[in-house]
PDB file of N, CA and C in Angstrom:
ATOM      1  N   MET A   1      -4.286 -15.538  -1.454  1.00  0.00           N
ATOM      2  CA  MET A   1      -2.326 -14.462  -1.455  1.00  0.00           C
ATOM      3  C   MET A   1      -2.560 -14.240   0.077  1.00  0.00           C
ATOM      4  N   ALA A   2      -0.975 -13.744   0.407  1.00  0.00           N
ATOM      5  CA  ALA A   2      -0.673 -13.779   1.958  1.00  0.00           C
ATOM      6  C   ALA A   2      -0.726 -12.092   2.057  1.00  0.00           C
ATOM      7  N   LYS A   3      -1.520 -12.083   3.011  1.00  0.00           N
ATOM      8  CA  LYS A   3      -1.382 -10.644   3.470  1.00  0.00           C
ATOM      9  C   LYS A   3      -0.449 -10.190   3.737  1.00  0.00           C
ATOM     10  N   GLY A   4       0.486  -8.746   4.178  1.00  0.00           N
ATOM     11  CA  GLY A   4       1.836  -8.220   4.456  1.00  0.00           C
ATOM     12  C   GLY A   4       1.170  -7.701   6.026  1.00  0.00           C
ATOM     13  N   LYS A   5       2.387  -7.963   7.105  1.00  0.00           N
ATOM     14  CA  LYS A   5       2.337  -7.470   8.271  1.00  0.00           C
ATOM     15  C   LYS A   5       1.513  -5.644   8.043  1.00  0.00           C
ATOM     16  N   ILE A   6       0.848  -5.517   9.503  1.00  0.00           N
ATOM     17  CA  ILE A   6      -0.191  -4.512   9.866  1.00  0.00           C
ATOM     18  C   ILE A   6       1.064  -3.434   9.828  1.00  0.00           C
ATOM     19  N   ALA A   7       0.691  -2.112   8.970  1.00  0.00           N
ATOM     20  CA  ALA A   7       2.210  -0.908   8.754  1.00  0.00           C
ATOM     21  C   ALA A   7       1.219   0.180  10.302  1.00  0.00           C
ATOM     22  N   GLU A   8      -0.202   0.574   9.791  1.00  0.00           N
ATOM     23  CA  GLU A   8      -0.901   1.472   9.889  1.00  0.00           C
ATOM     24  C   GLU A   8      -2.476   0.859  10.519  1.00  0.00           C
ATOM     25  N   LYS A   9      -3.200   1.279  11.158  1.00  0.00           N
ATOM     26  CA  LYS A   9      -4.720   0.488  11.140  1.00  0.00           C
ATOM     27  C   LYS A   9      -5.167   1.906  10.484  1.00  0.00           C
ATOM     28  N   SER A  10      -5.023   1.895   9.702  1.00  0.00           N
ATOM     29  CA  SER A  10      -5.744   3.413   8.932  1.00  0.00           C
ATOM     30  C   SER A  10      -5.722   3.717   7.640  1.00  0.00           C
ATOM     31  N   PRO A  11      -6.011   4.792   6.277  1.00  0.00           N
ATOM     32  CA  PRO A  11      -4.986   5.006   5.021  1.00  0.00           C
ATOM     33  C   PRO A  11      -5.003   5.580   5.000  1.00  0.00           C
ATOM     34  N   ILE A  12      -3.731   5.734   4.728  1.00  0.00           N
ATOM     35  CA  ILE A  12      -3.641   7.851   3.878  1.00  0.00           C
ATOM     36  C   ILE A  12      -3.963   7.887   2.484  1.00  0.00           C
ATOM     37  N   MET A  13      -3.851   9.485   3.198  1.00  0.00           N
ATOM     38  CA  MET A  13      -4.935   9.841   2.013  1.00  0.00           C
ATOM     39  C   MET A  13      -3.957  10.159   0.807  1.00  0.00           C
ATOM     40  N   MET A  14      -4.053  10.384  -0.383  1.00  0.00           N
ATOM     41  CA  MET A  14      -2.333  11.644  -0.340  1.00  0.00           C
ATOM     42  C   MET A  14      -3.005  12.428  -2.013  1.00  0.00           C
ATOM     43  N   GLU A  15      -2.482  13.145  -1.795  1.00  0.00           N
ATOM     44  CA  GLU A  15      -2.661  13.958  -3.405  1.00  0.00           C
ATOM     45  C   GLU A  15      -1.856  13.333  -4.376  1.00  0.00           C
ATOM     46  N   MET A  16      -1.546  12.640  -6.104  1.00  0.00           N
ATOM     47  CA  MET A  16      -0.914  12.582  -6.249  1.00  0.00           C
ATOM     48  C   MET A  16      -1.161  12.655  -7.996  1.00  0.00           C
ATOM     49  N   LYS A  17       0.141  12.703  -7.724  1.00  0.00           N
ATOM     50  CA  LYS A  17      -0.001  13.498  -9.360  1.00  0.00           C
ATOM     51  C   LYS A  17       1.099  12.392 -10.731  1.00  0.00           C
ATOM     52  N   PRO A  18       0.491  12.637 -11.526  1.00  0.00           N
ATOM     53  CA  PRO A  18       0.613  11.517 -12.978  1.00  0.00           C
ATOM     54  C   PRO A  18       2.321  10.350 -11.983  1.00  0.00           C
ATOM     55  N   GLY A  19       2.507   9.594 -12.797  1.00  0.00           N
ATOM     56  CA  GLY A  19       3.363   8.611 -12.420  1.00  0.00           C
ATOM     57  C   GLY A  19       3.385   6.649 -11.641  1.00  0.00           C
ATOM     58  N   THR A  20       4.499   6.440 -11.826  1.00  0.00           N
ATOM     59  CA  THR A  20       4.386   5.106 -11.724  1.00  0.00           C
ATOM     60  C   THR A  20       4.953   4.289 -10.237  1.00  0.00           C
ATOM     61  N   TYR A  21       4.556   4.137  -9.017  1.00  0.00           N
ATOM     62  CA  TYR A  21       4.368   4.251  -7.486  1.00  0.00           C
ATOM     63  C   TYR A  21       4.500   2.168  -7.331  1.00  0.00           C
ATOM     64  N   TYR A  22       5.471   2.707  -6.625  1.00  0.00           N
ATOM     65  CA  TYR A  22       5.658   1.167  -5.472  1.00  0.00           C
ATOM     66  C   TYR A  22       4.848   0.924  -4.552  1.00  0.00           C
ATOM     67  N   TRP A  23       3.243   0.443  -4.650  1.00  0.00           N
ATOM     68  CA  TRP A  23       2.830   0.319  -2.866  1.00  0.00           C
ATOM     69  C   TRP A  23       3.598  -1.177  -2.390  1.00  0.00           C
ATOM     70  N   CYS A  24       3.742  -0.344  -1.319  1.00  0.00           N
ATOM     71  CA  CYS A  24       4.210  -1.764  -0.044  1.00  0.00           C
ATOM     72  C   CYS A  24       3.554  -2.577   0.605  1.00  0.00           C
ATOM     73  N   ALA A  25       3.878  -4.417  -0.136  1.00  0.00           N
ATOM     74  CA  ALA A  25       2.380  -5.367  -0.023  1.00  0.00           C
ATOM     75  C   ALA A  25       3.303  -6.135   1.517  1.00  0.00           C
ATOM     76  N   CYS A  26       4.080  -5.836   1.834  1.00  0.00           N
ATOM     77  CA  CYS A  26       5.010  -6.160   3.355  1.00  0.00           C
ATOM     78  C   CYS A  26       4.911  -5.996   4.128  1.00  0.00           C
ATOM     79  N   GLY A  27       4.091  -4.054   4.579  1.00  0.00           N
ATOM     80  CA  GLY A  27       3.986  -3.877   5.451  1.00  0.00           C
ATOM     81  C   GLY A  27       5.447  -3.275   6.266  1.00  0.00           C
ATOM     82  N   LYS A  28       7.005  -3.922   6.057  1.00  0.00           N
ATOM     83  CA  LYS A  28       7.784  -3.588   6.450  1.00  0.00           C
ATOM     84  C   LYS A  28       8.396  -2.857   5.315  1.00  0.00           C
ATOM     85  N   SER A  29       8.572  -1.617   5.049  1.00  0.00           N
ATOM     86  CA  SER A  29       8.570  -0.150   4.302  1.00  0.00           C
ATOM     87  C   SER A  29       8.116   0.704   5.928  1.00  0.00           C
ATOM     88  N   SER A  30       9.547   1.587   5.863  1.00  0.00           N
ATOM     89  CA  SER A  30       9.507   2.482   6.764  1.00  0.00           C
ATOM     90  C   SER A  30       9.497   3.772   6.061  1.00  0.00           C
ATOM     91  N   ASN A  31       9.225   3.955   4.154  1.00  0.00           N
ATOM     92  CA  ASN A  31       8.683   4.689   3.462  1.00  0.00           C
ATOM     93  C   ASN A  31       6.687   4.700   3.020  1.00  0.00           C
ATOM     94  N   GLN A  32       6.029   4.114   4.317  1.00  0.00           N
ATOM     95  CA  GLN A  32       4.543   3.472   3.579  1.00  0.00           C
ATOM     96  C   GLN A  32       3.528   5.115   3.265  1.00  0.00           C
ATOM     97  N   PRO A  33       2.960   4.935   2.366  1.00  0.00           N
ATOM     98  CA  PRO A  33       3.083   3.564   2.005  1.00  0.00           C
ATOM     99  C   PRO A  33       3.754   2.405   0.761  1.00  0.00           C
ATOM    100  N   PHE A  34       4.807   2.959   0.326  1.00  0.00           N
ATOM    101  CA  PHE A  34       5.720   3.326  -0.665  1.00  0.00           C
ATOM    102  C   PHE A  34       6.438   2.102  -0.334  1.00  0.00           C
ATOM    103  N   CYS A  35       7.055   0.826  -1.324  1.00  0.00           N
ATOM    104  CA  CYS A  35       8.381   0.428  -1.238  1.00  0.00           C
ATOM    105  C   CYS A  35       9.294   0.922  -0.169  1.00  0.00           C
ATOM    106  N   ASP A  36      10.736   0.190  -0.131  1.00  0.00           N
ATOM    107  CA  ASP A  36      11.857   0.704   0.365  1.00  0.00           C
ATOM    108  C   ASP A  36      13.064  -0.409   0.724  1.00  0.00           C
ATOM    109  N   GLY A  37      11.472  -1.604  -0.500  1.00  0.00           N
ATOM    110  CA  GLY A  37      12.747  -2.933  -0.464  1.00  0.00           C
ATOM    111  C   GLY A  37      12.991  -3.287   1.259  1.00  0.00           C
ATOM    112  N   SER A  38      12.228  -3.289   1.530  1.00  0.00           N
ATOM    113  CA  SER A  38      12.493  -4.409   2.568  1.00  0.00           C
ATOM    114  C   SER A  38      11.660  -5.840   2.858  1.00  0.00           C
ATOM    115  N   HIS A  39      10.992  -5.823   1.738  1.00  0.00           N
ATOM    116  CA  HIS A  39      10.816  -7.090   1.642  1.00  0.00           C
ATOM    117  C   HIS A  39      11.919  -8.271   0.140  1.00  0.00           C
ATOM    118  N   GLN A  40      11.964  -7.497   0.654  1.00  0.00           N
ATOM    119  CA  GLN A  40      14.048  -8.477   0.257  1.00  0.00           C
ATOM    120  C   GLN A  40      13.362 -10.225   1.321  1.00  0.00           C
ATOM    121  N   GLY A  41      14.565 -10.541  -0.028  1.00  0.00           N
ATOM    122  CA  GLY A  41      13.940 -12.431   0.942  1.00  0.00           C
ATOM    123  C   GLY A  41      12.514 -13.007   1.152  1.00  0.00           C
ATOM    124  N   SER A  42      11.508 -12.299   1.371  1.00  0.00           N
ATOM    125  CA  SER A  42       9.671 -12.178   1.226  1.00  0.00           C
ATOM    126  C   SER A  42       9.646 -13.076   0.759  1.00  0.00           C
ATOM    127  N   GLU A  43       8.224 -13.505   0.465  1.00  0.00           N
ATOM    128  CA  GLU A  43       6.972 -13.524  -0.612  1.00  0.00           C
ATOM    129  C   GLU A  43       6.453 -12.333  -1.805  1.00  0.00           C
ATOM    130  N   PHE A  44       7.027 -11.392  -0.609  1.00  0.00           N
ATOM    131  CA  PHE A  44       6.794 -10.462  -1.316  1.00  0.00           C
ATOM    132  C   PHE A  44       7.214  -9.197  -2.507  1.00  0.00           C
ATOM    133  N   THR A  45       6.082  -8.420  -2.686  1.00  0.00           N
ATOM    134  CA  THR A  45       6.519  -7.640  -3.992  1.00  0.00           C
ATOM    135  C   THR A  45       5.577  -6.757  -4.041  1.00  0.00           C
ATOM    136  N   PRO A  46       6.476  -5.576  -4.615  1.00  0.00           N
ATOM    137  CA  PRO A  46       5.840  -4.509  -4.427  1.00  0.00           C
ATOM    138  C   PRO A  46       4.529  -4.832  -6.048  1.00  0.00           C
ATOM    139  N   LYS A  47       3.686  -3.591  -5.687  1.00  0.00           N
ATOM    140  CA  LYS A  47       2.609  -3.478  -6.372  1.00  0.00           C
ATOM    141  C   LYS A  47       2.222  -1.896  -7.500  1.00  0.00           C
ATOM    142  N   GLU A  48       3.225  -1.633  -8.342  1.00  0.00           N
ATOM    143  CA  GLU A  48       2.958  -1.438  -9.256  1.00  0.00           C
ATOM    144  C   GLU A  48       1.452  -0.915  -9.778  1.00  0.00           C
ATOM    145  N   VAL A  49       1.942   0.964  -9.612  1.00  0.00           N
ATOM    146  CA  VAL A  49       0.450   1.445  -9.771  1.00  0.00           C
ATOM    147  C   VAL A  49       0.720   2.764 -11.058  1.00  0.00           C
ATOM    148  N   LYS A  50       0.224   2.908 -11.369  1.00  0.00           N
ATOM    149  CA  LYS A  50       0.068   3.533 -12.332  1.00  0.00           C
ATOM    150  C   LYS A  50      -0.909   4.818 -12.233  1.00  0.00           C
ATOM    151  N   ILE A  51      -0.830   6.100 -12.201  1.00  0.00           N
ATOM    152  CA  ILE A  51      -1.349   7.373 -11.462  1.00  0.00           C
ATOM    153  C   ILE A  51      -1.687   7.748 -13.099  1.00  0.00           C
ATOM    154  N   GLU A  52      -2.083   8.478 -13.779  1.00  0.00           N
ATOM    155  CA  GLU A  52      -3.652   8.549 -15.031  1.00  0.00           C
ATOM    156  C   GLU A  52      -3.237   9.975 -15.145  1.00  0.00           C
ATOM    157  N   LYS A  53      -3.193  10.446 -14.020  1.00  0.00           N
ATOM    158  CA  LYS A  53      -4.226  12.173 -14.185  1.00  0.00           C
ATOM    159  C   LYS A  53      -3.943  12.695 -12.572  1.00  0.00           C
ATOM    160  N   GLU A  54      -3.299  13.632 -12.042  1.00  0.00           N
ATOM    161  CA  GLU A  54      -3.991  13.680 -10.767  1.00  0.00           C
ATOM    162  C   GLU A  54      -4.163  13.261 -10.119  1.00  0.00           C
ATOM    163  N   GLN A  55      -4.890  12.974  -8.875  1.00  0.00           N
ATOM    164  CA  GLN A  55      -6.581  13.016  -8.084  1.00  0.00           C
ATOM    165  C   GLN A  55      -5.716  12.577  -6.511  1.00  0.00           C
ATOM    166  N   THR A  56      -6.868  11.819  -5.872  1.00  0.00           N
ATOM    167  CA  THR A  56      -6.937  11.791  -4.479  1.00  0.00           C
ATOM    168  C   THR A  56      -6.528  10.324  -4.179  1.00  0.00           C
ATOM    169  N   VAL A  57      -6.162   9.451  -3.552  1.00  0.00           N
ATOM    170  CA  VAL A  57      -5.407   8.073  -3.510  1.00  0.00           C
ATOM    171  C   VAL A  57      -6.027   8.006  -2.012  1.00  0.00           C
ATOM    172  N   PHE A  58      -6.485   6.620  -1.344  1.00  0.00           N
ATOM    173  CA  PHE A  58      -6.647   6.228   0.213  1.00  0.00           C
ATOM    174  C   PHE A  58      -5.736   5.375  -0.095  1.00  0.00           C
ATOM    175  N   TRP A  59      -4.286   4.623   0.130  1.00  0.00           N
ATOM    176  CA  TRP A  59      -3.812   4.224   0.458  1.00  0.00           C
ATOM    177  C   TRP A  59      -3.546   2.980   1.196  1.00  0.00           C
ATOM    178  N   CYS A  60      -4.024   1.944   1.602  1.00  0.00           N
ATOM    179  CA  CYS A  60      -3.485   0.903   1.920  1.00  0.00           C
ATOM    180  C   CYS A  60      -2.095   0.581   2.664  1.00  0.00           C
ATOM    181  N   ARG A  61      -2.141   1.545   4.921  1.00  0.00           N
ATOM    182  CA  ARG A  61      -1.427   0.830   5.802  1.00  0.00           C
ATOM    183  C   ARG A  61      -1.645   0.089   5.703  1.00  0.00           C
ATOM    184  N   CYS A  62      -3.215  -0.772   6.316  1.00  0.00           N
ATOM    185  CA  CYS A  62      -3.150  -2.260   7.247  1.00  0.00           C
ATOM    186  C   CYS A  62      -2.696  -3.462   6.500  1.00  0.00           C
ATOM    187  N   LYS A  63      -2.684  -3.153   5.166  1.00  0.00           N
ATOM    188  CA  LYS A  63      -2.464  -4.470   4.201  1.00  0.00           C
ATOM    189  C   LYS A  63      -3.108  -5.550   4.017  1.00  0.00           C
ATOM    190  N   GLN A  64      -4.282  -5.453   4.808  1.00  0.00           N
ATOM    191  CA  GLN A  64      -5.153  -6.142   4.721  1.00  0.00           C
ATOM    192  C   GLN A  64      -6.569  -6.531   4.376  1.00  0.00           C
ATOM    193  N   THR A  65      -6.390  -4.936   2.704  1.00  0.00           N
ATOM    194  CA  THR A  65      -7.344  -4.953   1.570  1.00  0.00           C
ATOM    195  C   THR A  65      -7.117  -6.389   0.822  1.00  0.00           C
ATOM    196  N   ASP A  66      -8.722  -6.237   0.467  1.00  0.00           N
ATOM    197  CA  ASP A  66      -9.002  -6.738  -1.025  1.00  0.00           C
ATOM    198  C   ASP A  66      -8.994  -6.619  -2.272  1.00  0.00           C
ATOM    199  N   ASN A  67      -8.695  -5.001  -2.685  1.00  0.00           N
ATOM    200  CA  ASN A  67      -8.887  -4.315  -3.367  1.00  0.00           C
ATOM    201  C   ASN A  67      -7.026  -3.003  -3.112  1.00  0.00           C
ATOM    202  N   PRO A  68      -6.288  -4.159  -3.001  1.00  0.00           N
ATOM    203  CA  PRO A  68      -4.843  -3.505  -2.770  1.00  0.00           C
ATOM    204  C   PRO A  68      -4.463  -2.890  -4.567  1.00  0.00           C
ATOM    205  N   PRO A  69      -3.968  -1.373  -4.418  1.00  0.00           N
ATOM    206  CA  PRO A  69      -3.212  -1.507  -2.801  1.00  0.00           C
ATOM    207  C   PRO A  69      -4.089   0.270  -2.452  1.00  0.00           C
ATOM    208  N   PHE A  70      -5.585   0.124  -2.892  1.00  0.00           N
ATOM    209  CA  PHE A  70      -6.249   1.003  -2.374  1.00  0.00           C
ATOM    210  C   PHE A  70      -6.957   0.542  -0.924  1.00  0.00           C
ATOM    211  N   CYS A  71      -7.188   0.900   0.199  1.00  0.00           N
ATOM    212  CA  CYS A  71      -7.886   0.651   1.133  1.00  0.00           C
ATOM    213  C   CYS A  71      -9.067   0.553   0.808  1.00  0.00           C
ATOM    214  N   ASP A  72     -10.024  -0.814   1.371  1.00  0.00           N
ATOM    215  CA  ASP A  72     -11.407  -0.974   1.409  1.00  0.00           C
ATOM    216  C   ASP A  72     -12.202  -0.690   2.142  1.00  0.00           C
ATOM    217  N   GLY A  73     -11.640  -0.144   3.737  1.00  0.00           N
ATOM    218  CA  GLY A  73     -12.295  -0.993   5.123  1.00  0.00           C
ATOM    219  C   GLY A  73     -11.923  -1.886   6.033  1.00  0.00           C
ATOM    220  N   SER A  74     -10.936  -2.188   5.734  1.00  0.00           N
ATOM    221  CA  SER A  74     -10.583  -3.878   5.863  1.00  0.00           C
ATOM    222  C   SER A  74     -10.468  -3.567   8.111  1.00  0.00           C
ATOM    223  N   HIS A  75      -8.959  -1.892   7.155  1.00  0.00           N
ATOM    224  CA  HIS A  75      -8.894  -1.628   8.973  1.00  0.00           C
ATOM    225  C   HIS A  75     -10.026  -1.876  10.232  1.00  0.00           C
ATOM    226  N   ASN A  76     -11.405  -1.622   9.459  1.00  0.00           N
ATOM    227  CA  ASN A  76     -12.046  -0.858  11.055  1.00  0.00           C
ATOM    228  C   ASN A  76     -12.303  -2.707  11.874  1.00  0.00           C
ATOM    229  N   LYS A  77     -11.995  -2.969  10.141  1.00  0.00           N
ATOM    230  CA  LYS A  77     -11.923  -5.314  11.727  1.00  0.00           C
ATOM    231  C   LYS A  77     -10.702  -4.946  12.445  1.00  0.00           C
ATOM    232  N   LEU A  78      -9.702  -4.892  12.157  1.00  0.00           N
ATOM    233  CA  LEU A  78      -8.982  -5.854  12.693  1.00  0.00           C
ATOM    234  C   LEU A  78      -9.430  -4.987  14.546  1.00  0.00           C
TER     235      LEU A  78
END
């Protein structure tokens, strides 16, 4: 599977409330780490993420993670 464009070389930590979110996989969204539709016409689609309970999430913004949409430290190798 192709990896998206590097949006940032660091994750973003966010306190998330329960709900459904769409993580940007292409790296082109201006609303990182979430999708804004910038992937249209590309091979990428956003990743649907369901948060069941309020929690802290480290969202990947480098788009190189092997555990999308979550940071796995891949940005440290860039």
